[in-house]
N, C-alpha and C. Protein backbone atom coordinates (compact mmCIF):
# COMPACT_ATOMS: atom_id res chain seq x y z
N MET A 1 46.74 88.65 -12.38
CA MET A 1 46.59 87.27 -11.99
C MET A 1 47.87 86.51 -12.29
N LEU A 2 48.46 86.76 -13.42
CA LEU A 2 49.67 86.02 -13.80
C LEU A 2 50.84 86.35 -12.89
N ASP A 3 51.00 87.62 -12.55
CA ASP A 3 52.07 88.00 -11.62
C ASP A 3 51.82 87.40 -10.23
N PHE A 4 50.56 87.38 -9.81
CA PHE A 4 50.22 86.78 -8.53
C PHE A 4 50.54 85.29 -8.53
N ALA A 5 50.19 84.60 -9.60
CA ALA A 5 50.48 83.17 -9.70
C ALA A 5 51.99 82.93 -9.66
N ASP A 6 52.74 83.76 -10.35
CA ASP A 6 54.20 83.64 -10.34
C ASP A 6 54.74 83.78 -8.92
N ALA A 7 54.26 84.79 -8.20
CA ALA A 7 54.74 85.02 -6.83
C ALA A 7 54.27 83.93 -5.87
N THR A 8 53.11 83.36 -6.12
CA THR A 8 52.53 82.38 -5.21
C THR A 8 53.07 80.97 -5.43
N ILE A 9 53.08 80.53 -6.69
CA ILE A 9 53.51 79.15 -6.94
C ILE A 9 54.88 79.06 -7.59
N GLY A 10 55.44 80.21 -7.94
CA GLY A 10 56.80 80.22 -8.45
C GLY A 10 56.96 79.76 -9.88
N LYS A 11 55.90 79.90 -10.68
CA LYS A 11 55.99 79.55 -12.09
C LYS A 11 55.84 80.81 -12.93
N ALA A 12 56.70 80.96 -13.89
CA ALA A 12 56.59 82.09 -14.81
C ALA A 12 55.28 81.99 -15.59
N PRO A 13 54.67 83.12 -15.93
CA PRO A 13 53.41 83.08 -16.67
C PRO A 13 53.46 82.24 -17.95
N THR A 14 54.60 82.21 -18.59
CA THR A 14 54.72 81.43 -19.83
C THR A 14 54.74 79.93 -19.57
N ARG A 15 54.93 79.52 -18.32
CA ARG A 15 55.00 78.10 -17.97
C ARG A 15 53.75 77.59 -17.26
N LEU A 16 52.78 78.49 -17.02
CA LEU A 16 51.55 78.10 -16.34
C LEU A 16 50.68 77.23 -17.25
N THR A 17 49.98 76.30 -16.62
CA THR A 17 48.99 75.49 -17.33
C THR A 17 47.63 75.72 -16.66
N LEU A 18 46.57 75.26 -17.29
CA LEU A 18 45.25 75.41 -16.69
C LEU A 18 45.17 74.69 -15.35
N ALA A 19 45.86 73.59 -15.22
CA ALA A 19 45.86 72.84 -13.96
C ALA A 19 46.46 73.67 -12.82
N ASP A 20 47.37 74.59 -13.15
CA ASP A 20 47.97 75.46 -12.13
C ASP A 20 46.96 76.47 -11.58
N LEU A 21 46.00 76.83 -12.41
CA LEU A 21 45.01 77.84 -12.02
C LEU A 21 43.82 77.16 -11.35
N ASP A 22 44.08 76.55 -10.20
CA ASP A 22 43.04 75.82 -9.49
C ASP A 22 42.21 76.76 -8.62
N ALA A 23 41.17 76.21 -8.01
CA ALA A 23 40.26 77.01 -7.20
C ALA A 23 40.98 77.72 -6.05
N GLN A 24 41.91 77.03 -5.41
CA GLN A 24 42.62 77.63 -4.28
C GLN A 24 43.42 78.86 -4.72
N LEU A 25 44.09 78.77 -5.85
CA LEU A 25 44.86 79.91 -6.35
C LEU A 25 43.94 81.08 -6.71
N ILE A 26 42.83 80.78 -7.35
CA ILE A 26 41.89 81.85 -7.75
C ILE A 26 41.28 82.50 -6.52
N LEU A 27 40.91 81.71 -5.51
CA LEU A 27 40.36 82.29 -4.28
C LEU A 27 41.41 83.12 -3.55
N SER A 28 42.64 82.67 -3.56
CA SER A 28 43.73 83.44 -2.95
C SER A 28 43.93 84.76 -3.69
N PHE A 29 43.83 84.73 -5.01
CA PHE A 29 43.97 85.94 -5.80
C PHE A 29 42.84 86.93 -5.50
N LEU A 30 41.60 86.43 -5.40
CA LEU A 30 40.48 87.31 -5.09
C LEU A 30 40.62 87.90 -3.68
N ASP A 31 41.10 87.11 -2.75
CA ASP A 31 41.36 87.61 -1.40
C ASP A 31 42.43 88.69 -1.44
N HIS A 32 43.47 88.48 -2.24
CA HIS A 32 44.54 89.46 -2.43
C HIS A 32 43.96 90.77 -2.97
N LEU A 33 43.07 90.68 -3.95
CA LEU A 33 42.47 91.89 -4.52
C LEU A 33 41.69 92.66 -3.46
N GLU A 34 40.94 91.95 -2.64
CA GLU A 34 40.15 92.62 -1.62
C GLU A 34 41.02 93.29 -0.57
N LYS A 35 42.09 92.62 -0.15
CA LYS A 35 42.92 93.15 0.93
C LYS A 35 43.95 94.17 0.45
N GLU A 36 44.66 93.87 -0.62
CA GLU A 36 45.75 94.74 -1.06
C GLU A 36 45.29 95.89 -1.94
N ARG A 37 44.26 95.68 -2.74
CA ARG A 37 43.82 96.71 -3.67
C ARG A 37 42.49 97.34 -3.28
N SER A 38 41.90 96.83 -2.20
CA SER A 38 40.59 97.31 -1.73
C SER A 38 39.51 97.15 -2.79
N ASN A 39 39.62 96.11 -3.59
CA ASN A 39 38.58 95.79 -4.57
C ASN A 39 37.71 94.70 -3.98
N GLY A 40 36.41 94.85 -4.14
CA GLY A 40 35.50 93.85 -3.63
C GLY A 40 34.31 93.68 -4.55
N ALA A 41 33.40 92.83 -4.15
CA ALA A 41 32.22 92.56 -4.96
C ALA A 41 31.36 93.81 -5.11
N ARG A 42 31.43 94.70 -4.15
CA ARG A 42 30.61 95.91 -4.19
C ARG A 42 31.36 97.14 -4.70
N THR A 43 32.58 96.96 -5.18
CA THR A 43 33.33 98.08 -5.74
C THR A 43 32.67 98.53 -7.03
N PRO A 44 32.24 99.78 -7.12
CA PRO A 44 31.56 100.23 -8.34
C PRO A 44 32.51 100.29 -9.53
N GLN A 45 31.98 100.00 -10.66
CA GLN A 45 32.73 100.08 -11.91
C GLN A 45 32.31 101.37 -12.62
N ARG A 46 33.05 102.42 -12.37
CA ARG A 46 32.71 103.71 -12.96
C ARG A 46 33.76 104.10 -13.99
N PRO A 47 33.32 104.74 -15.05
CA PRO A 47 34.31 105.21 -16.03
C PRO A 47 35.20 106.30 -15.44
N PRO A 48 36.40 106.47 -15.97
CA PRO A 48 37.31 107.48 -15.44
C PRO A 48 36.74 108.89 -15.59
N GLY A 49 37.11 109.74 -14.69
CA GLY A 49 36.69 111.14 -14.76
C GLY A 49 35.31 111.40 -14.19
N GLY A 50 34.70 110.38 -13.61
CA GLY A 50 33.38 110.58 -13.01
C GLY A 50 32.27 110.77 -14.01
N THR A 51 32.51 110.47 -15.27
CA THR A 51 31.46 110.63 -16.27
C THR A 51 30.49 109.47 -16.17
N SER A 52 29.31 109.68 -16.62
CA SER A 52 28.28 108.66 -16.57
C SER A 52 28.17 107.95 -17.92
N LEU A 53 27.85 106.68 -17.86
CA LEU A 53 27.63 105.93 -19.10
C LEU A 53 26.28 106.27 -19.70
N PHE A 54 25.37 106.75 -18.86
CA PHE A 54 24.02 107.07 -19.32
C PHE A 54 23.76 108.56 -19.11
N PRO A 55 23.14 109.20 -20.10
CA PRO A 55 22.87 110.65 -19.95
C PRO A 55 21.84 110.96 -18.92
């Protein structure tokens, strides 16, 4: 999120304030995750190696 904010609004992560993290930036970041990383609301959260959390 911090790298995305830096690339989008041009502020280094150390200079960001809460006011910079507005709804539009957060929605843009979530859209970025869905398009660039193929992450979505239905992306399963599985532990690495295909192991199960429950026996």
